[in-house]
Amino acid sequence: MYRILAACGLLGLTSVLCCAQQWPEPNCTKPVKPFEKQYDNVFHAYKKGDEQALKKALDEFSIPADWFAAHFGAEKGAELQKDYVEQFAYFEFTESRKLHWIDKADESKIELQVCSGHSAKPPAKPAPASLAPIPDAQMFATRYTKENGTFSLFGKPEIQAHATSWGNLYANLDGEYRFFGIGGYPFWDPARIRLSDMCGKEGESNGGDLVKRVEPEYPEEARLAGKQGSVRMRVSIDKDGSVTDIEAIDGDPALIPAAKAAVMKWRYKPFVNCGKPVEMRTLETLKFPSASPPANK
């Protein structure tokens, strides 16, 4: 048995994995009909094996080109539209690839729900100044579950299943739902966290291996105060593999500067998309006390 579960929450309140097994169960309600109908068109086109219809159904989620100029002006609108086109291409690529995990021969169904989940990400940046109101975006996460028979737990049969989930932002524009950003981030603040190579094979590495690591220095004041813990960061990586920017997600303020100073010296194997090096982001966590010894007194 296969089950598709699409769930969503308000922008900034959920993560892509809001329905994954390690998260608490979110509060869910029935979805609005327009999104349900649009996603049904995508899923049924895939089930029929009609790749042209699948592409057409996914294209229906694209924001019309003239919307950007109308909301952000000609110059800023053109800039945002260019970024959006790149993100939408990635949306179509990943959505299609993940749908192809489902065996067409098996009976499948879609259960769509609107859920408020849990956030594991830093908040998105505010929208740029606009000439017209920007619609609220919602996070729709799709959960795919495949049951693999049963196993015995303390003599009681239990269902053994494999589940994975993914999600993106959508907004209602004049009654039609449109793709609004990858993962939990709107198109004006793309996360670009370890995106797949659109020309590579599924599961194939496209770079991002850490080739140089520098351990942080344990701040003396933090050491004397007995401060310990972790610092989580969103790290921006240039085309040459160097670190260009670091955004702290959480951690003790006394430890964040040392963590950032160390990671700025790190170097990665450049990320690649379709044979060309690209800028990318990754998530890193440093624990304190660090591996480096405290200063001698």
C-alpha atoms as a PDB file:
ATOM      1  CA  MET A   1       0.000   0.000   0.000  1.00  0.00           C
ATOM      2  CA  TYR A   2       1.210   3.484  -0.832  1.00  0.00           C
ATOM      3  CA  ARG A   3      -0.109   6.675   0.712  1.00  0.00           C
ATOM      4  CA  ILE A   4       0.542  10.281  -0.266  1.00  0.00           C
ATOM      5  CA  LEU A   5      -0.096  12.849   2.444  1.00  0.00           C
ATOM      6  CA  ALA A   6       0.245  16.530   1.601  1.00  0.00           C
ATOM      7  CA  ALA A   7       0.281  18.823   4.607  1.00  0.00           C
ATOM      8  CA  CYS A   8       0.917  22.524   5.125  1.00  0.00           C
ATOM      9  CA  GLY A   9       1.364  25.176   7.774  1.00  0.00           C
ATOM     10  CA  LEU A  10       1.732  28.940   7.827  1.00  0.00           C
ATOM     11  CA  LEU A  11       5.005  30.461   6.625  1.00  0.00           C
ATOM     12  CA  GLY A  12       7.594  30.364   9.398  1.00  0.00           C
ATOM     13  CA  LEU A  13       5.661  27.864  11.514  1.00  0.00           C
ATOM     14  CA  THR A  14       6.649  24.592   9.881  1.00  0.00           C
ATOM     15  CA  SER A  15       9.544  22.779   8.345  1.00  0.00           C
ATOM     16  CA  VAL A  16       9.746  20.500   5.359  1.00  0.00           C
ATOM     17  CA  LEU A  17       9.773  17.577   7.779  1.00  0.00           C
ATOM     18  CA  CYS A  18       6.705  18.623   9.748  1.00  0.00           C
ATOM     19  CA  CYS A  19       5.112  15.221   9.155  1.00  0.00           C
ATOM     20  CA  ALA A  20       8.236  13.071   9.480  1.00  0.00           C
ATOM     21  CA  GLN A  21       8.185  10.427  12.158  1.00  0.00           C
ATOM     22  CA  GLN A  22      10.635  12.186  14.469  1.00  0.00           C
ATOM     23  CA  TRP A  23       8.329  15.211  14.838  1.00  0.00           C
ATOM     24  CA  PRO A  24       5.288  15.437  17.134  1.00  0.00           C
ATOM     25  CA  GLU A  25       1.991  14.957  15.322  1.00  0.00           C
ATOM     26  CA  PRO A  26       0.817  18.345  13.950  1.00  0.00           C
ATOM     27  CA  ASN A  27      -2.726  19.713  14.161  1.00  0.00           C
ATOM     28  CA  CYS A  28      -4.411  19.157  10.800  1.00  0.00           C
ATOM     29  CA  THR A  29      -7.609  20.177   9.020  1.00  0.00           C
ATOM     30  CA  LYS A  30      -9.042  19.576   5.568  1.00  0.00           C
ATOM     31  CA  PRO A  31      -7.432  21.645   2.776  1.00  0.00           C
ATOM     32  CA  VAL A  32      -9.081  24.149   0.497  1.00  0.00           C
ATOM     33  CA  LYS A  33     -10.427  22.660  -2.731  1.00  0.00           C
ATOM     34  CA  PRO A  34      -8.275  24.632  -5.230  1.00  0.00           C
ATOM     35  CA  PHE A  35      -5.004  23.191  -3.964  1.00  0.00           C
ATOM     36  CA  GLU A  36      -6.504  19.714  -3.628  1.00  0.00           C
ATOM     37  CA  LYS A  37      -7.689  19.835  -7.241  1.00  0.00           C
ATOM     38  CA  GLN A  38      -4.354  21.139  -8.561  1.00  0.00           C
ATOM     39  CA  TYR A  39      -2.298  18.510  -6.775  1.00  0.00           C
ATOM     40  CA  ASP A  40      -4.743  15.793  -7.862  1.00  0.00           C
ATOM     41  CA  ASN A  41      -4.043  16.802 -11.473  1.00  0.00           C
ATOM     42  CA  VAL A  42      -0.303  16.387 -10.893  1.00  0.00           C
ATOM     43  CA  PHE A  43      -0.620  13.040  -9.154  1.00  0.00           C
ATOM     44  CA  HIS A  44      -3.075  11.513 -11.629  1.00  0.00           C
ATOM     45  CA  ALA A  45      -0.964  12.632 -14.605  1.00  0.00           C
ATOM     46  CA  TYR A  46       1.968  10.796 -13.045  1.00  0.00           C
ATOM     47  CA  LYS A  47      -0.136   7.682 -12.347  1.00  0.00           C
ATOM     48  CA  LYS A  48      -1.215   7.590 -15.989  1.00  0.00           C
ATOM     49  CA  GLY A  49       2.402   7.801 -17.110  1.00  0.00           C
ATOM     50  CA  ASP A  50       1.666  10.965 -19.116  1.00  0.00           C
ATOM     51  CA  GLU A  51       4.849  13.015 -18.724  1.00  0.00           C
ATOM     52  CA  GLN A  52       3.522  15.850 -20.907  1.00  0.00           C
ATOM     53  CA  ALA A  53       0.391  16.167 -18.766  1.00  0.00           C
ATOM     54  CA  LEU A  54       2.533  16.001 -15.618  1.00  0.00           C
ATOM     55  CA  LYS A  55       4.686  18.899 -16.846  1.00  0.00           C
ATOM     56  CA  LYS A  56       1.560  20.892 -17.746  1.00  0.00           C
ATOM     57  CA  ALA A  57      -0.007  20.243 -14.320  1.00  0.00           C
ATOM     58  CA  LEU A  58       3.168  21.372 -12.537  1.00  0.00           C
ATOM     59  CA  ASP A  59       3.368  24.476 -14.771  1.00  0.00           C
ATOM     60  CA  GLU A  60      -0.032  25.505 -13.370  1.00  0.00           C
ATOM     61  CA  PHE A  61       1.726  26.289 -10.071  1.00  0.00           C
ATOM     62  CA  SER A  62       3.951  28.974 -11.658  1.00  0.00           C
ATOM     63  CA  ILE A  63       3.380  32.651 -10.804  1.00  0.00           C
ATOM     64  CA  PRO A  64       2.470  34.610 -13.993  1.00  0.00           C
ATOM     65  CA  ALA A  65       5.356  36.718 -15.316  1.00  0.00           C
ATOM     66  CA  ASP A  66       3.482  40.039 -15.137  1.00  0.00           C
ATOM     67  CA  TRP A  67       2.760  39.549 -11.409  1.00  0.00           C
ATOM     68  CA  PHE A  68       6.316  40.479 -10.410  1.00  0.00           C
ATOM     69  CA  ALA A  69       6.358  43.880 -12.147  1.00  0.00           C
ATOM     70  CA  ALA A  70       2.884  44.648 -10.835  1.00  0.00           C
ATOM     71  CA  HIS A  71       3.948  43.977  -7.245  1.00  0.00           C
ATOM     72  CA  PHE A  72       7.599  45.092  -7.142  1.00  0.00           C
ATOM     73  CA  GLY A  73       8.033  47.503 -10.052  1.00  0.00           C
ATOM     74  CA  ALA A  74       9.791  46.905 -13.366  1.00  0.00           C
ATOM     75  CA  GLU A  75      13.423  46.765 -12.188  1.00  0.00           C
ATOM     76  CA  LYS A  76      13.016  44.843  -8.908  1.00  0.00           C
ATOM     77  CA  GLY A  77      10.289  42.698 -10.448  1.00  0.00           C
ATOM     78  CA  ALA A  78      12.578  41.571 -13.284  1.00  0.00           C
ATOM     79  CA  GLU A  79      15.304  40.667 -10.780  1.00  0.00           C
ATOM     80  CA  LEU A  80      12.936  38.662  -8.582  1.00  0.00           C
ATOM     81  CA  GLN A  81      11.333  36.967 -11.561  1.00  0.00           C
ATOM     82  CA  LYS A  82      14.722  35.760 -12.796  1.00  0.00           C
ATOM     83  CA  ASP A  83      15.449  34.187  -9.406  1.00  0.00           C
ATOM     84  CA  TYR A  84      11.940  32.749  -9.292  1.00  0.00           C
ATOM     85  CA  VAL A  85      12.304  31.050 -12.690  1.00  0.00           C
ATOM     86  CA  GLU A  86      15.425  29.239 -11.418  1.00  0.00           C
ATOM     87  CA  GLN A  87      13.643  28.159  -8.241  1.00  0.00           C
ATOM     88  CA  PHE A  88      10.562  27.015 -10.146  1.00  0.00           C
ATOM     89  CA  ALA A  89      12.692  24.882 -12.457  1.00  0.00           C
ATOM     90  CA  TYR A  90      14.136  23.198  -9.375  1.00  0.00           C
ATOM     91  CA  PHE A  91      10.630  22.769  -7.930  1.00  0.00           C
ATOM     92  CA  GLU A  92       9.438  20.968 -11.073  1.00  0.00           C
ATOM     93  CA  PHE A  93      12.575  18.825 -11.169  1.00  0.00           C
ATOM     94  CA  THR A  94      12.347  17.662  -7.547  1.00  0.00           C
ATOM     95  CA  GLU A  95       8.557  17.278  -7.470  1.00  0.00           C
ATOM     96  CA  SER A  96       8.639  15.105 -10.578  1.00  0.00           C
ATOM     97  CA  ARG A  97      11.599  13.062  -9.335  1.00  0.00           C
ATOM     98  CA  LYS A  98       9.992  12.325  -5.987  1.00  0.00           C
ATOM     99  CA  LEU A  99       6.671  11.381  -7.557  1.00  0.00           C
ATOM    100  CA  HIS A 100       8.585   8.850  -9.635  1.00  0.00           C
ATOM    101  CA  TRP A 101       9.465   7.019  -6.416  1.00  0.00           C
ATOM    102  CA  ILE A 102       5.873   5.753  -6.426  1.00  0.00           C
ATOM    103  CA  ASP A 103       5.132   2.496  -8.236  1.00  0.00           C
ATOM    104  CA  LYS A 104       2.395   3.180 -10.794  1.00  0.00           C
ATOM    105  CA  ALA A 105       1.269  -0.439 -10.584  1.00  0.00           C
ATOM    106  CA  ASP A 106       0.264  -0.160  -6.941  1.00  0.00           C
ATOM    107  CA  GLU A 107      -2.979   1.313  -5.720  1.00  0.00           C
ATOM    108  CA  SER A 108      -2.290   4.816  -4.426  1.00  0.00           C
ATOM    109  CA  LYS A 109      -4.331   7.634  -3.017  1.00  0.00           C
ATOM    110  CA  ILE A 110      -3.802  11.218  -1.887  1.00  0.00           C
ATOM    111  CA  GLU A 111      -4.839  12.509   1.513  1.00  0.00           C
ATOM    112  CA  LEU A 112      -4.451  16.285   1.671  1.00  0.00           C
ATOM    113  CA  GLN A 113      -4.430  18.135   4.977  1.00  0.00           C
ATOM    114  CA  VAL A 114      -3.576  21.623   6.197  1.00  0.00           C
ATOM    115  CA  CYS A 115      -1.370  21.350   9.281  1.00  0.00           C
ATOM    116  CA  SER A 116       0.409  23.654  11.696  1.00  0.00           C
ATOM    117  CA  GLY A 117       3.724  22.025  12.474  1.00  0.00           C
ATOM    118  CA  HIS A 118       7.094  22.796  14.038  1.00  0.00           C
ATOM    119  CA  SER A 119       9.918  25.013  12.834  1.00  0.00           C
ATOM    120  CA  ALA A 120      13.558  23.971  12.707  1.00  0.00           C
ATOM    121  CA  LYS A 121      14.702  26.875  10.552  1.00  0.00           C
ATOM    122  CA  PRO A 122      15.571  30.525  11.043  1.00  0.00           C
ATOM    123  CA  PRO A 123      12.723  32.847  10.037  1.00  0.00           C
ATOM    124  CA  ALA A 124      12.579  33.997   6.436  1.00  0.00           C
ATOM    125  CA  LYS A 125      13.479  37.554   5.513  1.00  0.00           C
ATOM    126  CA  PRO A 126      10.574  40.016   5.127  1.00  0.00           C
ATOM    127  CA  ALA A 127       9.234  40.574   1.626  1.00  0.00           C
ATOM    128  CA  PRO A 128      10.767  43.455  -0.374  1.00  0.00           C
ATOM    129  CA  ALA A 129       8.811  46.692  -0.534  1.00  0.00           C
ATOM    130  CA  SER A 130       5.842  46.094  -2.816  1.00  0.00           C
ATOM    131  CA  LEU A 131       3.329  48.151  -4.771  1.00  0.00           C
ATOM    132  CA  ALA A 132       0.502  45.755  -3.887  1.00  0.00           C
ATOM    133  CA  PRO A 133      -0.127  43.418  -0.920  1.00  0.00           C
ATOM    134  CA  ILE A 134       1.776  40.125  -0.977  1.00  0.00           C
ATOM    135  CA  PRO A 135      -0.454  37.100  -0.265  1.00  0.00           C
ATOM    136  CA  ASP A 136       0.183  34.861   2.716  1.00  0.00           C
ATOM    137  CA  ALA A 137       2.134  31.710   1.867  1.00  0.00           C
ATOM    138  CA  GLN A 138       1.485  28.237   3.239  1.00  0.00           C
ATOM    139  CA  MET A 139       3.767  25.250   3.593  1.00  0.00           C
ATOM    140  CA  PHE A 140       2.494  22.106   1.882  1.00  0.00           C
ATOM    141  CA  ALA A 141       4.589  19.077   2.765  1.00  0.00           C
ATOM    142  CA  THR A 142       4.041  15.786   0.943  1.00  0.00           C
ATOM    143  CA  ARG A 143       4.527  12.543   2.829  1.00  0.00           C
ATOM    144  CA  TYR A 144       5.016   9.305   0.952  1.00  0.00           C
ATOM    145  CA  THR A 145       4.701   6.078   2.934  1.00  0.00           C
ATOM    146  CA  LYS A 146       5.358   2.571   1.685  1.00  0.00           C
ATOM    147  CA  GLU A 147       4.394  -0.389   3.848  1.00  0.00           C
ATOM    148  CA  ASN A 148       6.892  -3.273   3.774  1.00  0.00           C
ATOM    149  CA  GLY A 149       4.925  -6.068   5.430  1.00  0.00           C
ATOM    150  CA  THR A 150       4.938  -6.680   9.183  1.00  0.00           C
ATOM    151  CA  PHE A 151       7.379  -7.547  11.956  1.00  0.00           C
ATOM    152  CA  SER A 152       6.870  -8.876  15.457  1.00  0.00           C
ATOM    153  CA  LEU A 153       7.259  -6.546  18.433  1.00  0.00           C
ATOM    154  CA  PHE A 154       6.917  -8.365  21.785  1.00  0.00           C
ATOM    155  CA  GLY A 155       4.846 -10.993  20.023  1.00  0.00           C
ATOM    156  CA  LYS A 156       2.499  -8.427  18.488  1.00  0.00           C
ATOM    157  CA  PRO A 157       2.543  -7.887  14.695  1.00  0.00           C
ATOM    158  CA  GLU A 158       3.397  -4.326  13.692  1.00  0.00           C
ATOM    159  CA  ILE A 159       3.367  -2.671  10.261  1.00  0.00           C
ATOM    160  CA  GLN A 160       6.842  -1.971   8.909  1.00  0.00           C
ATOM    161  CA  ALA A 161       6.886   1.123   6.734  1.00  0.00           C
ATOM    162  CA  HIS A 162       9.267   3.525   5.056  1.00  0.00           C
ATOM    163  CA  ALA A 163       8.304   7.207   4.951  1.00  0.00           C
ATOM    164  CA  THR A 164       9.839  10.291   3.440  1.00  0.00           C
ATOM    165  CA  SER A 165       8.548  13.829   3.086  1.00  0.00           C
ATOM    166  CA  TRP A 166       9.277  17.044   1.266  1.00  0.00           C
ATOM    167  CA  GLY A 167       7.563  20.394   0.952  1.00  0.00           C
ATOM    168  CA  ASN A 168       7.385  23.858  -0.549  1.00  0.00           C
ATOM    169  CA  LEU A 169       5.583  27.147  -0.060  1.00  0.00           C
ATOM    170  CA  TYR A 170       2.432  27.991  -2.004  1.00  0.00           C
ATOM    171  CA  ALA A 171       0.214  31.085  -2.120  1.00  0.00           C
ATOM    172  CA  ASN A 172      -3.312  31.634  -3.395  1.00  0.00           C
ATOM    173  CA  LEU A 173      -3.314  34.095  -6.316  1.00  0.00           C
ATOM    174  CA  ASP A 174      -6.826  34.806  -7.576  1.00  0.00           C
ATOM    175  CA  GLY A 175      -8.118  31.346  -6.683  1.00  0.00           C
ATOM    176  CA  GLU A 176      -5.142  29.371  -7.998  1.00  0.00           C
ATOM    177  CA  TYR A 177      -2.305  28.095  -5.823  1.00  0.00           C
ATOM    178  CA  ARG A 178       1.177  29.064  -6.989  1.00  0.00           C
ATOM    179  CA  PHE A 179       4.621  27.862  -5.975  1.00  0.00           C
ATOM    180  CA  PHE A 180       6.067  30.515  -3.661  1.00  0.00           C
ATOM    181  CA  GLY A 181       9.431  29.122  -2.588  1.00  0.00           C
ATOM    182  CA  ILE A 182      11.590  26.063  -1.976  1.00  0.00           C
ATOM    183  CA  GLY A 183      11.209  24.401   1.397  1.00  0.00           C
ATOM    184  CA  GLY A 184      10.061  26.880   4.026  1.00  0.00           C
ATOM    185  CA  TYR A 185      11.518  29.976   2.346  1.00  0.00           C
ATOM    186  CA  PRO A 186       9.803  32.408  -0.064  1.00  0.00           C
ATOM    187  CA  PHE A 187      11.316  33.103  -3.475  1.00  0.00           C
ATOM    188  CA  TRP A 188      12.870  36.409  -2.334  1.00  0.00           C
ATOM    189  CA  ASP A 189      14.907  34.563   0.337  1.00  0.00           C
ATOM    190  CA  PRO A 190      15.949  31.246  -1.257  1.00  0.00           C
ATOM    191  CA  ALA A 191      17.551  28.870   1.219  1.00  0.00           C
ATOM    192  CA  ARG A 192      19.556  26.900  -1.397  1.00  0.00           C
ATOM    193  CA  ILE A 193      20.574  24.371   1.261  1.00  0.00           C
ATOM    194  CA  ARG A 194      22.385  21.471  -0.450  1.00  0.00           C
ATOM    195  CA  LEU A 195      20.152  21.402  -3.509  1.00  0.00           C
ATOM    196  CA  SER A 196      20.477  18.417  -5.851  1.00  0.00           C
ATOM    197  CA  ASP A 197      22.300  18.498  -9.177  1.00  0.00           C
ATOM    198  CA  MET A 198      19.522  18.808 -11.777  1.00  0.00           C
ATOM    199  CA  CYS A 199      21.718  17.008 -14.328  1.00  0.00           C
ATOM    200  CA  GLY A 200      23.066  14.355 -11.971  1.00  0.00           C
ATOM    201  CA  LYS A 201      21.842  10.913 -11.045  1.00  0.00           C
ATOM    202  CA  GLU A 202      19.636  10.568  -7.999  1.00  0.00           C
ATOM    203  CA  GLY A 203      21.734  10.009  -4.873  1.00  0.00           C
ATOM    204  CA  GLU A 204      24.936  11.105  -6.645  1.00  0.00           C
ATOM    205  CA  SER A 205      27.090  13.601  -4.756  1.00  0.00           C
ATOM    206  CA  ASN A 206      27.317  17.074  -6.264  1.00  0.00           C
ATOM    207  CA  GLY A 207      29.980  18.429  -3.936  1.00  0.00           C
ATOM    208  CA  GLY A 208      29.810  20.039  -0.531  1.00  0.00           C
ATOM    209  CA  ASP A 209      32.293  17.736   1.205  1.00  0.00           C
ATOM    210  CA  LEU A 210      34.242  19.495   3.941  1.00  0.00           C
ATOM    211  CA  VAL A 211      37.923  19.460   2.932  1.00  0.00           C
ATOM    212  CA  LYS A 212      39.328  21.828   5.571  1.00  0.00           C
ATOM    213  CA  ARG A 213      38.055  22.140   9.129  1.00  0.00           C
ATOM    214  CA  VAL A 214      39.282  24.509  11.819  1.00  0.00           C
ATOM    215  CA  GLU A 215      38.156  23.874  15.390  1.00  0.00           C
ATOM    216  CA  PRO A 216      36.837  26.862  17.334  1.00  0.00           C
ATOM    217  CA  GLU A 217      38.709  28.340  20.268  1.00  0.00           C
ATOM    218  CA  TYR A 218      36.786  27.908  23.480  1.00  0.00           C
ATOM    219  CA  PRO A 219      36.250  31.518  24.687  1.00  0.00           C
ATOM    220  CA  GLU A 220      38.029  32.074  28.001  1.00  0.00           C
ATOM    221  CA  GLU A 221      35.086  33.898  29.566  1.00  0.00           C
ATOM    222  CA  ALA A 222      32.720  31.137  28.470  1.00  0.00           C
ATOM    223  CA  ARG A 223      35.102  28.497  29.857  1.00  0.00           C
ATOM    224  CA  LEU A 224      35.370  30.249  33.231  1.00  0.00           C
ATOM    225  CA  ALA A 225      31.596  30.620  33.354  1.00  0.00           C
ATOM    226  CA  GLY A 226      31.173  26.930  32.530  1.00  0.00           C
ATOM    227  CA  LYS A 227      29.192  27.661  29.397  1.00  0.00           C
ATOM    228  CA  GLN A 228      28.701  24.665  27.114  1.00  0.00           C
ATOM    229  CA  GLY A 229      26.371  23.782  24.286  1.00  0.00           C
ATOM    230  CA  SER A 230      26.005  23.890  20.515  1.00  0.00           C
ATOM    231  CA  VAL A 231      25.832  26.624  17.912  1.00  0.00           C
ATOM    232  CA  ARG A 232      23.788  25.923  14.768  1.00  0.00           C
ATOM    233  CA  MET A 233      24.604  27.956  11.664  1.00  0.00           C
ATOM    234  CA  ARG A 234      23.488  28.393   8.085  1.00  0.00           C
ATOM    235  CA  VAL A 235      26.711  28.626   6.068  1.00  0.00           C
ATOM    236  CA  SER A 236      26.971  30.221   2.607  1.00  0.00           C
ATOM    237  CA  ILE A 237      29.572  28.645   0.322  1.00  0.00           C
ATOM    238  CA  ASP A 238      31.056  30.335  -2.748  1.00  0.00           C
ATOM    239  CA  LYS A 239      31.680  28.697  -6.119  1.00  0.00           C
ATOM    240  CA  ASP A 240      35.296  28.006  -5.113  1.00  0.00           C
ATOM    241  CA  GLY A 241      34.291  26.258  -1.874  1.00  0.00           C
ATOM    242  CA  SER A 242      35.163  29.121   0.471  1.00  0.00           C
ATOM    243  CA  VAL A 243      32.774  30.378   3.162  1.00  0.00           C
ATOM    244  CA  THR A 244      31.287  33.785   2.403  1.00  0.00           C
ATOM    245  CA  ASP A 245      28.672  34.263   5.107  1.00  0.00           C
ATOM    246  CA  ILE A 246      27.382  32.650   8.302  1.00  0.00           C
ATOM    247  CA  GLU A 247      23.980  33.089   9.916  1.00  0.00           C
ATOM    248  CA  ALA A 248      23.580  31.808  13.472  1.00  0.00           C
ATOM    249  CA  ILE A 249      20.314  29.905  13.922  1.00  0.00           C
ATOM    250  CA  ASP A 250      20.608  29.282  17.647  1.00  0.00           C
ATOM    251  CA  GLY A 251      23.176  28.926  20.412  1.00  0.00           C
ATOM    252  CA  ASP A 252      24.585  30.759  23.429  1.00  0.00           C
ATOM    253  CA  PRO A 253      25.546  34.335  22.405  1.00  0.00           C
ATOM    254  CA  ALA A 254      28.851  33.869  24.272  1.00  0.00           C
ATOM    255  CA  LEU A 255      29.790  30.994  21.936  1.00  0.00           C
ATOM    256  CA  ILE A 256      28.496  32.264  18.583  1.00  0.00           C
ATOM    257  CA  PRO A 257      31.435  34.599  17.693  1.00  0.00           C
ATOM    258  CA  ALA A 258      34.002  31.813  18.227  1.00  0.00           C
ATOM    259  CA  ALA A 259      31.927  29.380  16.173  1.00  0.00           C
ATOM    260  CA  LYS A 260      31.621  31.843  13.310  1.00  0.00           C
ATOM    261  CA  ALA A 261      35.339  32.686  13.374  1.00  0.00           C
ATOM    262  CA  ALA A 262      36.248  29.016  13.033  1.00  0.00           C
ATOM    263  CA  VAL A 263      33.749  28.179  10.276  1.00  0.00           C
ATOM    264  CA  MET A 264      34.811  31.197   8.200  1.00  0.00           C
ATOM    265  CA  LYS A 265      38.161  29.368   7.792  1.00  0.00           C
ATOM    266  CA  TRP A 266      36.526  26.149   6.593  1.00  0.00           C
ATOM    267  CA  ARG A 267      36.655  25.055   2.975  1.00  0.00           C
ATOM    268  CA  TYR A 268      34.353  22.767   1.028  1.00  0.00           C
ATOM    269  CA  LYS A 269      34.491  20.881  -2.220  1.00  0.00           C
ATOM    270  CA  PRO A 270      32.547  23.208  -4.557  1.00  0.00           C
ATOM    271  CA  PHE A 271      28.925  22.370  -5.248  1.00  0.00           C
ATOM    272  CA  VAL A 272      28.118  21.624  -8.892  1.00  0.00           C
ATOM    273  CA  ASN A 273      24.940  21.882 -10.940  1.00  0.00           C
ATOM    274  CA  CYS A 274      24.941  20.609 -14.527  1.00  0.00           C
ATOM    275  CA  GLY A 275      28.734  20.659 -14.607  1.00  0.00           C
ATOM    276  CA  LYS A 276      29.132  24.225 -13.339  1.00  0.00           C
ATOM    277  CA  PRO A 277      30.175  25.329  -9.825  1.00  0.00           C
ATOM    278  CA  VAL A 278      27.375  27.093  -7.954  1.00  0.00           C
ATOM    279  CA  GLU A 279      26.876  28.976  -4.719  1.00  0.00           C
ATOM    280  CA  MET A 280      25.152  26.920  -2.032  1.00  0.00           C
ATOM    281  CA  ARG A 281      24.315  26.845   1.656  1.00  0.00           C
ATOM    282  CA  THR A 282      24.653  24.136   4.262  1.00  0.00           C
ATOM    283  CA  LEU A 283      23.768  23.705   7.930  1.00  0.00           C
ATOM    284  CA  GLU A 284      26.545  23.159  10.456  1.00  0.00           C
ATOM    285  CA  THR A 285      26.628  22.570  14.232  1.00  0.00           C
ATOM    286  CA  LEU A 286      29.620  23.165  16.501  1.00  0.00           C
ATOM    287  CA  LYS A 287      29.733  21.866  20.068  1.00  0.00           C
ATOM    288  CA  PHE A 288      31.544  23.542  22.956  1.00  0.00           C
ATOM    289  CA  PRO A 289      33.898  22.815  24.607  1.00  0.00           C
ATOM    290  CA  SER A 290      35.670  22.407  21.287  1.00  0.00           C
ATOM    291  CA  ALA A 291      38.343  19.876  20.399  1.00  0.00           C
ATOM    292  CA  SER A 292      41.018  22.510  20.908  1.00  0.00           C
ATOM    293  CA  PRO A 293      42.461  22.670  24.483  1.00  0.00           C
ATOM    294  CA  PRO A 294      41.865  25.738  26.670  1.00  0.00           C
ATOM    295  CA  ALA A 295      44.564  28.372  26.816  1.00  0.00           C
ATOM    296  CA  ASN A 296      47.344  27.759  29.392  1.00  0.00           C
ATOM    297  CA  LYS A 297      47.309  30.083  32.355  1.00  0.00           C
END
